[in-house]
Each structure stands twice: as structure tokens, then as C-alpha cells.
Amino acid sequence: VIANDLCNTTGSPVDQGRLSTLTGTGGI
């Protein structure tokens, strides 16, 4: 899983600033 995170579009599905999250119980 790779993210550029160049910016964060306000109102987008993952809208918490320039932050990506791993919150599940599965695995990579």
C-alpha cells in the first residue's frame, strides 16, 4: 500500500489532514 499524500482534499473520504491510517484487525 503506497500513498503520495501530496495534499488532502477537504471533504474527501479520508479527510484528516495529511494522515493515512491502519485501523483494522486484518493484515498486510
mmCIF file of all heavy atoms, coordinates in Angstrom:
data_MODEL
# 
_entry.id   MODEL 
# 
loop_
_atom_site.group_PDB 
_atom_site.id 
_atom_site.type_symbol 
_atom_site.label_atom_id 
_atom_site.label_alt_id 
_atom_site.label_comp_id 
_atom_site.label_asym_id 
_atom_site.label_entity_id 
_atom_site.label_seq_id 
_atom_site.pdbx_PDB_ins_code 
_atom_site.Cartn_x 
_atom_site.Cartn_y 
_atom_site.Cartn_z 
_atom_site.occupancy 
_atom_site.B_iso_or_equiv 
_atom_site.pdbx_formal_charge 
_atom_site.auth_seq_id 
_atom_site.auth_comp_id 
_atom_site.auth_asym_id 
_atom_site.auth_atom_id 
_atom_site.pdbx_PDB_model_num 
ATOM 1   N N   . VAL A 1 1  ? 0.873   -1.174 0.000  1.00 0.00 ? 1  VAL A N   1 
ATOM 2   C CA  . VAL A 1 1  ? 0.000   0.000  0.000  1.00 0.00 ? 1  VAL A CA  1 
ATOM 3   C C   . VAL A 1 1  ? 0.910   1.224  0.000  1.00 0.00 ? 1  VAL A C   1 
ATOM 4   O O   . VAL A 1 1  ? 1.731   1.391  0.893  1.00 0.00 ? 1  VAL A O   1 
ATOM 5   C CB  . VAL A 1 1  ? -0.927  0.019  1.223  1.00 0.00 ? 1  VAL A CB  1 
ATOM 6   C CG1 . VAL A 1 1  ? -1.851  1.237  1.161  1.00 0.00 ? 1  VAL A CG1 1 
ATOM 7   C CG2 . VAL A 1 1  ? -1.747  -1.261 1.311  1.00 0.00 ? 1  VAL A CG2 1 
ATOM 8   N N   . ILE A 1 2  ? 0.745   2.089  -1.013 1.00 0.00 ? 2  ILE A N   1 
ATOM 9   C CA  . ILE A 1 2  ? 1.618   3.255  -1.180 1.00 0.00 ? 2  ILE A CA  1 
ATOM 10  C C   . ILE A 1 2  ? 0.765   4.495  -1.376 1.00 0.00 ? 2  ILE A C   1 
ATOM 11  O O   . ILE A 1 2  ? -0.174  4.487  -2.177 1.00 0.00 ? 2  ILE A O   1 
ATOM 12  C CB  . ILE A 1 2  ? 2.556   3.075  -2.385 1.00 0.00 ? 2  ILE A CB  1 
ATOM 13  C CG1 . ILE A 1 2  ? 3.476   1.870  -2.162 1.00 0.00 ? 2  ILE A CG1 1 
ATOM 14  C CG2 . ILE A 1 2  ? 3.387   4.325  -2.632 1.00 0.00 ? 2  ILE A CG2 1 
ATOM 15  C CD1 . ILE A 1 2  ? 4.353   1.539  -3.350 1.00 0.00 ? 2  ILE A CD1 1 
ATOM 16  N N   . ALA A 1 3  ? 1.088   5.569  -0.650 1.00 0.00 ? 3  ALA A N   1 
ATOM 17  C CA  . ALA A 1 3  ? 0.330   6.812  -0.749 1.00 0.00 ? 3  ALA A CA  1 
ATOM 18  C C   . ALA A 1 3  ? 1.268   7.990  -0.979 1.00 0.00 ? 3  ALA A C   1 
ATOM 19  O O   . ALA A 1 3  ? 2.256   8.148  -0.266 1.00 0.00 ? 3  ALA A O   1 
ATOM 20  C CB  . ALA A 1 3  ? -0.497  7.046  0.508  1.00 0.00 ? 3  ALA A CB  1 
ATOM 21  N N   . ASN A 1 4  ? 0.932   8.825  -1.970 1.00 0.00 ? 4  ASN A N   1 
ATOM 22  C CA  . ASN A 1 4  ? 1.708   10.053 -2.209 1.00 0.00 ? 4  ASN A CA  1 
ATOM 23  C C   . ASN A 1 4  ? 1.494   11.073 -1.105 1.00 0.00 ? 4  ASN A C   1 
ATOM 24  O O   . ASN A 1 4  ? 2.422   11.747 -0.678 1.00 0.00 ? 4  ASN A O   1 
ATOM 25  C CB  . ASN A 1 4  ? 1.305   10.697 -3.530 1.00 0.00 ? 4  ASN A CB  1 
ATOM 26  C CG  . ASN A 1 4  ? 1.842   9.957  -4.728 1.00 0.00 ? 4  ASN A CG  1 
ATOM 27  O OD1 . ASN A 1 4  ? 1.302   10.054 -5.813 1.00 0.00 ? 4  ASN A OD1 1 
ATOM 28  N ND2 . ASN A 1 4  ? 2.914   9.200  -4.557 1.00 0.00 ? 4  ASN A ND2 1 
ATOM 29  N N   . ASP A 1 5  ? 0.219   11.223 -0.673 1.00 0.00 ? 5  ASP A N   1 
ATOM 30  C CA  . ASP A 1 5  ? -0.102  12.172 0.389  1.00 0.00 ? 5  ASP A CA  1 
ATOM 31  C C   . ASP A 1 5  ? 0.378   13.581 0.057  1.00 0.00 ? 5  ASP A C   1 
ATOM 32  O O   . ASP A 1 5  ? 0.833   14.326 0.932  1.00 0.00 ? 5  ASP A O   1 
ATOM 33  C CB  . ASP A 1 5  ? 0.514   11.699 1.705  1.00 0.00 ? 5  ASP A CB  1 
ATOM 34  C CG  . ASP A 1 5  ? -0.335  12.081 2.903  1.00 0.00 ? 5  ASP A CG  1 
ATOM 35  O OD1 . ASP A 1 5  ? -1.188  12.968 2.752  1.00 0.00 ? 5  ASP A OD1 1 
ATOM 36  O OD2 . ASP A 1 5  ? -0.157  11.492 3.975  1.00 0.00 ? 5  ASP A OD2 1 
ATOM 37  N N   . LEU A 1 6  ? 0.276   13.961 -1.211 1.00 0.00 ? 6  LEU A N   1 
ATOM 38  C CA  . LEU A 1 6  ? 0.738   15.286 -1.607 1.00 0.00 ? 6  LEU A CA  1 
ATOM 39  C C   . LEU A 1 6  ? -0.089  16.385 -0.953 1.00 0.00 ? 6  LEU A C   1 
ATOM 40  O O   . LEU A 1 6  ? 0.412   17.451 -0.632 1.00 0.00 ? 6  LEU A O   1 
ATOM 41  C CB  . LEU A 1 6  ? 0.675   15.427 -3.132 1.00 0.00 ? 6  LEU A CB  1 
ATOM 42  C CG  . LEU A 1 6  ? 1.815   14.765 -3.907 1.00 0.00 ? 6  LEU A CG  1 
ATOM 43  C CD1 . LEU A 1 6  ? 1.591   14.899 -5.395 1.00 0.00 ? 6  LEU A CD1 1 
ATOM 44  C CD2 . LEU A 1 6  ? 3.145   15.369 -3.521 1.00 0.00 ? 6  LEU A CD2 1 
ATOM 45  N N   . CYS A 1 7  ? -1.389  16.130 -0.807 1.00 0.00 ? 7  CYS A N   1 
ATOM 46  C CA  . CYS A 1 7  ? -2.266  17.098 -0.163 1.00 0.00 ? 7  CYS A CA  1 
ATOM 47  C C   . CYS A 1 7  ? -3.480  16.349 0.352  1.00 0.00 ? 7  CYS A C   1 
ATOM 48  O O   . CYS A 1 7  ? -3.590  15.131 0.175  1.00 0.00 ? 7  CYS A O   1 
ATOM 49  C CB  . CYS A 1 7  ? -2.682  18.207 -1.130 1.00 0.00 ? 7  CYS A CB  1 
ATOM 50  S SG  . CYS A 1 7  ? -3.645  17.613 -2.528 1.00 0.00 ? 7  CYS A SG  1 
ATOM 51  N N   . ASN A 1 8  ? -4.368  17.048 1.006  1.00 0.00 ? 8  ASN A N   1 
ATOM 52  C CA  . ASN A 1 8  ? -5.614  16.455 1.476  1.00 0.00 ? 8  ASN A CA  1 
ATOM 53  C C   . ASN A 1 8  ? -6.774  17.317 0.995  1.00 0.00 ? 8  ASN A C   1 
ATOM 54  O O   . ASN A 1 8  ? -6.863  18.495 1.333  1.00 0.00 ? 8  ASN A O   1 
ATOM 55  C CB  . ASN A 1 8  ? -5.640  16.369 3.007  1.00 0.00 ? 8  ASN A CB  1 
ATOM 56  C CG  . ASN A 1 8  ? -6.997  15.889 3.511  1.00 0.00 ? 8  ASN A CG  1 
ATOM 57  O OD1 . ASN A 1 8  ? -7.432  14.791 3.191  1.00 0.00 ? 8  ASN A OD1 1 
ATOM 58  N ND2 . ASN A 1 8  ? -7.672  16.726 4.291  1.00 0.00 ? 8  ASN A ND2 1 
ATOM 59  N N   . THR A 1 9  ? -7.649  16.715 0.183  1.00 0.00 ? 9  THR A N   1 
ATOM 60  C CA  . THR A 1 9  ? -8.814  17.440 -0.318 1.00 0.00 ? 9  THR A CA  1 
ATOM 61  C C   . THR A 1 9  ? -9.884  17.485 0.761  1.00 0.00 ? 9  THR A C   1 
ATOM 62  O O   . THR A 1 9  ? -10.339 16.438 1.245  1.00 0.00 ? 9  THR A O   1 
ATOM 63  C CB  . THR A 1 9  ? -9.375  16.770 -1.575 1.00 0.00 ? 9  THR A CB  1 
ATOM 64  O OG1 . THR A 1 9  ? -8.365  16.772 -2.591 1.00 0.00 ? 9  THR A OG1 1 
ATOM 65  C CG2 . THR A 1 9  ? -10.601 17.515 -2.085 1.00 0.00 ? 9  THR A CG2 1 
ATOM 66  N N   . THR A 1 10 ? -10.291 18.665 1.151  1.00 0.00 ? 10 THR A N   1 
ATOM 67  C CA  . THR A 1 10 ? -11.331 18.820 2.170  1.00 0.00 ? 10 THR A CA  1 
ATOM 68  C C   . THR A 1 10 ? -12.623 18.163 1.697  1.00 0.00 ? 10 THR A C   1 
ATOM 69  O O   . THR A 1 10 ? -13.063 18.373 0.566  1.00 0.00 ? 10 THR A O   1 
ATOM 70  C CB  . THR A 1 10 ? -11.582 20.312 2.447  1.00 0.00 ? 10 THR A CB  1 
ATOM 71  O OG1 . THR A 1 10 ? -10.351 20.908 2.870  1.00 0.00 ? 10 THR A OG1 1 
ATOM 72  C CG2 . THR A 1 10 ? -12.632 20.490 3.520  1.00 0.00 ? 10 THR A CG2 1 
ATOM 73  N N   . GLY A 1 11 ? -13.211 17.363 2.571  1.00 0.00 ? 11 GLY A N   1 
ATOM 74  C CA  . GLY A 1 11 ? -14.457 16.682 2.246  1.00 0.00 ? 11 GLY A CA  1 
ATOM 75  C C   . GLY A 1 11 ? -14.283 15.357 1.546  1.00 0.00 ? 11 GLY A C   1 
ATOM 76  O O   . GLY A 1 11 ? -15.272 14.691 1.215  1.00 0.00 ? 11 GLY A O   1 
ATOM 77  N N   . SER A 1 12 ? -13.049 14.925 1.320  1.00 0.00 ? 12 SER A N   1 
ATOM 78  C CA  . SER A 1 12 ? -12.806 13.633 0.687  1.00 0.00 ? 12 SER A CA  1 
ATOM 79  C C   . SER A 1 12 ? -13.040 12.501 1.685  1.00 0.00 ? 12 SER A C   1 
ATOM 80  O O   . SER A 1 12 ? -13.130 12.740 2.899  1.00 0.00 ? 12 SER A O   1 
ATOM 81  C CB  . SER A 1 12 ? -11.379 13.582 0.143  1.00 0.00 ? 12 SER A CB  1 
ATOM 82  O OG  . SER A 1 12 ? -10.434 13.712 1.189  1.00 0.00 ? 12 SER A OG  1 
ATOM 83  N N   . PRO A 1 13 ? -13.164 11.247 1.225  1.00 0.00 ? 13 PRO A N   1 
ATOM 84  C CA  . PRO A 1 13 ? -13.464 10.126 2.135  1.00 0.00 ? 13 PRO A CA  1 
ATOM 85  C C   . PRO A 1 13 ? -12.472 9.964  3.280  1.00 0.00 ? 13 PRO A C   1 
ATOM 86  O O   . PRO A 1 13 ? -12.845 9.552  4.377  1.00 0.00 ? 13 PRO A O   1 
ATOM 87  C CB  . PRO A 1 13 ? -13.438 8.911  1.199  1.00 0.00 ? 13 PRO A CB  1 
ATOM 88  C CG  . PRO A 1 13 ? -13.800 9.456  -0.128 1.00 0.00 ? 13 PRO A CG  1 
ATOM 89  C CD  . PRO A 1 13 ? -13.168 10.811 -0.182 1.00 0.00 ? 13 PRO A CD  1 
ATOM 90  N N   . VAL A 1 14 ? -11.185 10.249 3.044  1.00 0.00 ? 14 VAL A N   1 
ATOM 91  C CA  . VAL A 1 14 ? -10.182 10.181 4.116  1.00 0.00 ? 14 VAL A CA  1 
ATOM 92  C C   . VAL A 1 14 ? -9.713  11.610 4.343  1.00 0.00 ? 14 VAL A C   1 
ATOM 93  O O   . VAL A 1 14 ? -8.728  12.066 3.753  1.00 0.00 ? 14 VAL A O   1 
ATOM 94  C CB  . VAL A 1 14 ? -9.010  9.251  3.736  1.00 0.00 ? 14 VAL A CB  1 
ATOM 95  C CG1 . VAL A 1 14 ? -8.062  9.102  4.926  1.00 0.00 ? 14 VAL A CG1 1 
ATOM 96  C CG2 . VAL A 1 14 ? -9.520  7.883  3.293  1.00 0.00 ? 14 VAL A CG2 1 
ATOM 97  N N   . ASP A 1 15 ? -10.434 12.317 5.211  1.00 0.00 ? 15 ASP A N   1 
ATOM 98  C CA  . ASP A 1 15 ? -10.206 13.750 5.407  1.00 0.00 ? 15 ASP A CA  1 
ATOM 99  C C   . ASP A 1 15 ? -9.785  14.015 6.847  1.00 0.00 ? 15 ASP A C   1 
ATOM 100 O O   . ASP A 1 15 ? -10.590 14.326 7.705  1.00 0.00 ? 15 ASP A O   1 
ATOM 101 C CB  . ASP A 1 15 ? -11.488 14.521 5.063  1.00 0.00 ? 15 ASP A CB  1 
ATOM 102 C CG  . ASP A 1 15 ? -11.306 16.033 5.183  1.00 0.00 ? 15 ASP A CG  1 
ATOM 103 O OD1 . ASP A 1 15 ? -10.154 16.472 5.285  1.00 0.00 ? 15 ASP A OD1 1 
ATOM 104 O OD2 . ASP A 1 15 ? -12.330 16.750 5.184  1.00 0.00 ? 15 ASP A OD2 1 
ATOM 105 N N   . GLN A 1 16 ? -8.506  13.850 7.104  1.00 0.00 ? 16 GLN A N   1 
ATOM 106 C CA  . GLN A 1 16 ? -7.966  14.095 8.443  1.00 0.00 ? 16 GLN A CA  1 
ATOM 107 C C   . GLN A 1 16 ? -6.558  14.680 8.337  1.00 0.00 ? 16 GLN A C   1 
ATOM 108 O O   . GLN A 1 16 ? -5.662  14.341 9.095  1.00 0.00 ? 16 GLN A O   1 
ATOM 109 C CB  . GLN A 1 16 ? -7.953  12.801 9.265  1.00 0.00 ? 16 GLN A CB  1 
ATOM 110 C CG  . GLN A 1 16 ? -7.399  11.605 8.530  1.00 0.00 ? 16 GLN A CG  1 
ATOM 111 C CD  . GLN A 1 16 ? -7.846  10.293 9.138  1.00 0.00 ? 16 GLN A CD  1 
ATOM 112 O OE1 . GLN A 1 16 ? -8.688  10.236 10.042 1.00 0.00 ? 16 GLN A OE1 1 
ATOM 113 N NE2 . GLN A 1 16 ? -7.271  9.203  8.662  1.00 0.00 ? 16 GLN A NE2 1 
ATOM 114 N N   . GLY A 1 17 ? -6.402  15.560 7.337  1.00 0.00 ? 17 GLY A N   1 
ATOM 115 C CA  . GLY A 1 17 ? -5.090  16.117 7.086  1.00 0.00 ? 17 GLY A CA  1 
ATOM 116 C C   . GLY A 1 17 ? -4.239  15.134 6.316  1.00 0.00 ? 17 GLY A C   1 
ATOM 117 O O   . GLY A 1 17 ? -4.728  14.143 5.771  1.00 0.00 ? 17 GLY A O   1 
ATOM 118 N N   . ARG A 1 18 ? -2.960  15.406 6.266  1.00 0.00 ? 18 ARG A N   1 
ATOM 119 C CA  . ARG A 1 18 ? -2.047  14.529 5.546  1.00 0.00 ? 18 ARG A CA  1 
ATOM 120 C C   . ARG A 1 18 ? -1.689  13.336 6.429  1.00 0.00 ? 18 ARG A C   1 
ATOM 121 O O   . ARG A 1 18 ? -0.578  13.157 6.898  1.00 0.00 ? 18 ARG A O   1 
ATOM 122 C CB  . ARG A 1 18 ? -0.796  15.282 5.114  1.00 0.00 ? 18 ARG A CB  1 
ATOM 123 C CG  . ARG A 1 18 ? -1.060  16.347 4.057  1.00 0.00 ? 18 ARG A CG  1 
ATOM 124 C CD  . ARG A 1 18 ? 0.214   16.955 3.520  1.00 0.00 ? 18 ARG A CD  1 
ATOM 125 N NE  . ARG A 1 18 ? 1.098   15.921 3.021  1.00 0.00 ? 18 ARG A NE  1 
ATOM 126 C CZ  . ARG A 1 18 ? 2.363   15.765 3.395  1.00 0.00 ? 18 ARG A CZ  1 
ATOM 127 N NH1 . ARG A 1 18 ? 2.896   16.572 4.303  1.00 0.00 ? 18 ARG A NH1 1 
ATOM 128 N NH2 . ARG A 1 18 ? 3.113   14.812 2.893  1.00 0.00 ? 18 ARG A NH2 1 
ATOM 129 N N   . LEU A 1 19 ? -2.693  12.477 6.615  1.00 0.00 ? 19 LEU A N   1 
ATOM 130 C CA  . LEU A 1 19 ? -2.554  11.334 7.514  1.00 0.00 ? 19 LEU A CA  1 
ATOM 131 C C   . LEU A 1 19 ? -3.284  10.135 6.936  1.00 0.00 ? 19 LEU A C   1 
ATOM 132 O O   . LEU A 1 19 ? -4.464  10.216 6.604  1.00 0.00 ? 19 LEU A O   1 
ATOM 133 C CB  . LEU A 1 19 ? -3.128  11.674 8.891  1.00 0.00 ? 19 LEU A CB  1 
ATOM 134 C CG  . LEU A 1 19 ? -3.137  10.543 9.927  1.00 0.00 ? 19 LEU A CG  1 
ATOM 135 C CD1 . LEU A 1 19 ? -1.708  10.185 10.350 1.00 0.00 ? 19 LEU A CD1 1 
ATOM 136 C CD2 . LEU A 1 19 ? -3.972  10.943 11.142 1.00 0.00 ? 19 LEU A CD2 1 
ATOM 137 N N   . SER A 1 20 ? -2.581  9.012  6.811  1.00 0.00 ? 20 SER A N   1 
ATOM 138 C CA  . SER A 1 20 ? -3.178  7.739  6.428  1.00 0.00 ? 20 SER A CA  1 
ATOM 139 C C   . SER A 1 20 ? -3.249  6.849  7.659  1.00 0.00 ? 20 SER A C   1 
ATOM 140 O O   . SER A 1 20 ? -2.448  7.004  8.601  1.00 0.00 ? 20 SER A O   1 
ATOM 141 C CB  . SER A 1 20 ? -2.357  7.060  5.326  1.00 0.00 ? 20 SER A CB  1 
ATOM 142 O OG  . SER A 1 20 ? -2.429  7.795  4.121  1.00 0.00 ? 20 SER A OG  1 
ATOM 143 N N   . THR A 1 21 ? -4.224  5.918  7.661  1.00 0.00 ? 21 THR A N   1 
ATOM 144 C CA  . THR A 1 21 ? -4.461  5.146  8.881  1.00 0.00 ? 21 THR A CA  1 
ATOM 145 C C   . THR A 1 21 ? -4.566  3.654  8.602  1.00 0.00 ? 21 THR A C   1 
ATOM 146 O O   . THR A 1 21 ? -5.071  3.225  7.564  1.00 0.00 ? 21 THR A O   1 
ATOM 147 C CB  . THR A 1 21 ? -5.757  5.613  9.570  1.00 0.00 ? 21 THR A CB  1 
ATOM 148 O OG1 . THR A 1 21 ? -6.846  5.516  8.646  1.00 0.00 ? 21 THR A OG1 1 
ATOM 149 C CG2 . THR A 1 21 ? -5.638  7.052  10.042 1.00 0.00 ? 21 THR A CG2 1 
ATOM 150 N N   . LEU A 1 22 ? -4.074  2.881  9.561  1.00 0.00 ? 22 LEU A N   1 
ATOM 151 C CA  . LEU A 1 22 ? -4.260  1.432  9.624  1.00 0.00 ? 22 LEU A CA  1 
ATOM 152 C C   . LEU A 1 22 ? -5.029  1.154  10.907 1.00 0.00 ? 22 LEU A C   1 
ATOM 153 O O   . LEU A 1 22 ? -4.459  1.241  11.999 1.00 0.00 ? 22 LEU A O   1 
ATOM 154 C CB  . LEU A 1 22 ? -2.913  0.710  9.637  1.00 0.00 ? 22 LEU A CB  1 
ATOM 155 C CG  . LEU A 1 22 ? -1.995  0.910  8.425  1.00 0.00 ? 22 LEU A CG  1 
ATOM 156 C CD1 . LEU A 1 22 ? -0.640  0.251  8.673  1.00 0.00 ? 22 LEU A CD1 1 
ATOM 157 C CD2 . LEU A 1 22 ? -2.631  0.355  7.161  1.00 0.00 ? 22 LEU A CD2 1 
ATOM 158 N N   . THR A 1 23 ? -6.304  0.864  10.767 1.00 0.00 ? 23 THR A N   1 
ATOM 159 C CA  . THR A 1 23 ? -7.138  0.731  11.967 1.00 0.00 ? 23 THR A CA  1 
ATOM 160 C C   . THR A 1 23 ? -7.851  -0.604 12.044 1.00 0.00 ? 23 THR A C   1 
ATOM 161 O O   . THR A 1 23 ? -8.670  -0.805 12.920 1.00 0.00 ? 23 THR A O   1 
ATOM 162 C CB  . THR A 1 23 ? -8.195  1.858  12.004 1.00 0.00 ? 23 THR A CB  1 
ATOM 163 O OG1 . THR A 1 23 ? -9.048  1.741  10.856 1.00 0.00 ? 23 THR A OG1 1 
ATOM 164 C CG2 . THR A 1 23 ? -7.538  3.223  11.996 1.00 0.00 ? 23 THR A CG2 1 
ATOM 165 N N   . GLY A 1 24 ? -7.574  -1.505 11.145 1.00 0.00 ? 24 GLY A N   1 
ATOM 166 C CA  . GLY A 1 24 ? -8.326  -2.756 11.120 1.00 0.00 ? 24 GLY A CA  1 
ATOM 167 C C   . GLY A 1 24 ? -7.730  -3.844 11.985 1.00 0.00 ? 24 GLY A C   1 
ATOM 168 O O   . GLY A 1 24 ? -6.802  -3.634 12.772 1.00 0.00 ? 24 GLY A O   1 
ATOM 169 N N   . THR A 1 25 ? -8.285  -5.033 11.789 1.00 0.00 ? 25 THR A N   1 
ATOM 170 C CA  . THR A 1 25 ? -7.812  -6.212 12.516 1.00 0.00 ? 25 THR A CA  1 
ATOM 171 C C   . THR A 1 25 ? -7.330  -7.283 11.546 1.00 0.00 ? 25 THR A C   1 
ATOM 172 O O   . THR A 1 25 ? -7.122  -8.423 11.948 1.00 0.00 ? 25 THR A O   1 
ATOM 173 C CB  . THR A 1 25 ? -8.937  -6.784 13.400 1.00 0.00 ? 25 THR A CB  1 
ATOM 174 O OG1 . THR A 1 25 ? -10.063 -7.131 12.574 1.00 0.00 ? 25 THR A OG1 1 
ATOM 175 C CG2 . THR A 1 25 ? -9.369  -5.780 14.448 1.00 0.00 ? 25 THR A CG2 1 
ATOM 176 N N   . GLY A 1 26 ? -7.178  -6.911 10.295 1.00 0.00 ? 26 GLY A N   1 
ATOM 177 C CA  . GLY A 1 26 ? -6.723  -7.870 9.295  1.00 0.00 ? 26 GLY A CA  1 
ATOM 178 C C   . GLY A 1 26 ? -5.210  -7.909 9.221  1.00 0.00 ? 26 GLY A C   1 
ATOM 179 O O   . GLY A 1 26 ? -4.527  -7.918 10.249 1.00 0.00 ? 26 GLY A O   1 
ATOM 180 N N   . GLY A 1 27 ? -4.678  -7.893 8.019  1.00 0.00 ? 27 GLY A N   1 
ATOM 181 C CA  . GLY A 1 27 ? -3.230  -7.961 7.883  1.00 0.00 ? 27 GLY A CA  1 
ATOM 182 C C   . GLY A 1 27 ? -2.768  -7.581 6.496  1.00 0.00 ? 27 GLY A C   1 
ATOM 183 O O   . GLY A 1 27 ? -3.516  -7.645 5.516  1.00 0.00 ? 27 GLY A O   1 
ATOM 184 N N   . ILE A 1 28 ? -1.507  -7.154 6.437  1.00 0.00 ? 28 ILE A N   1 
ATOM 185 C CA  . ILE A 1 28 ? -0.840  -6.870 5.174  1.00 0.00 ? 28 ILE A CA  1 
ATOM 186 C C   . ILE A 1 28 ? 0.439   -7.704 5.146  1.00 0.00 ? 28 ILE A C   1 
ATOM 187 O O   . ILE A 1 28 ? 1.277   -7.591 6.041  1.00 0.00 ? 28 ILE A O   1 
ATOM 188 C CB  . ILE A 1 28 ? -0.490  -5.374 5.030  1.00 0.00 ? 28 ILE A CB  1 
ATOM 189 C CG1 . ILE A 1 28 ? -1.758  -4.515 5.107  1.00 0.00 ? 28 ILE A CG1 1 
ATOM 190 C CG2 . ILE A 1 28 ? 0.237   -5.113 3.710  1.00 0.00 ? 28 ILE A CG2 1 
ATOM 191 C CD1 . ILE A 1 28 ? -1.485  -3.020 5.095  1.00 0.00 ? 28 ILE A CD1 1 
# 
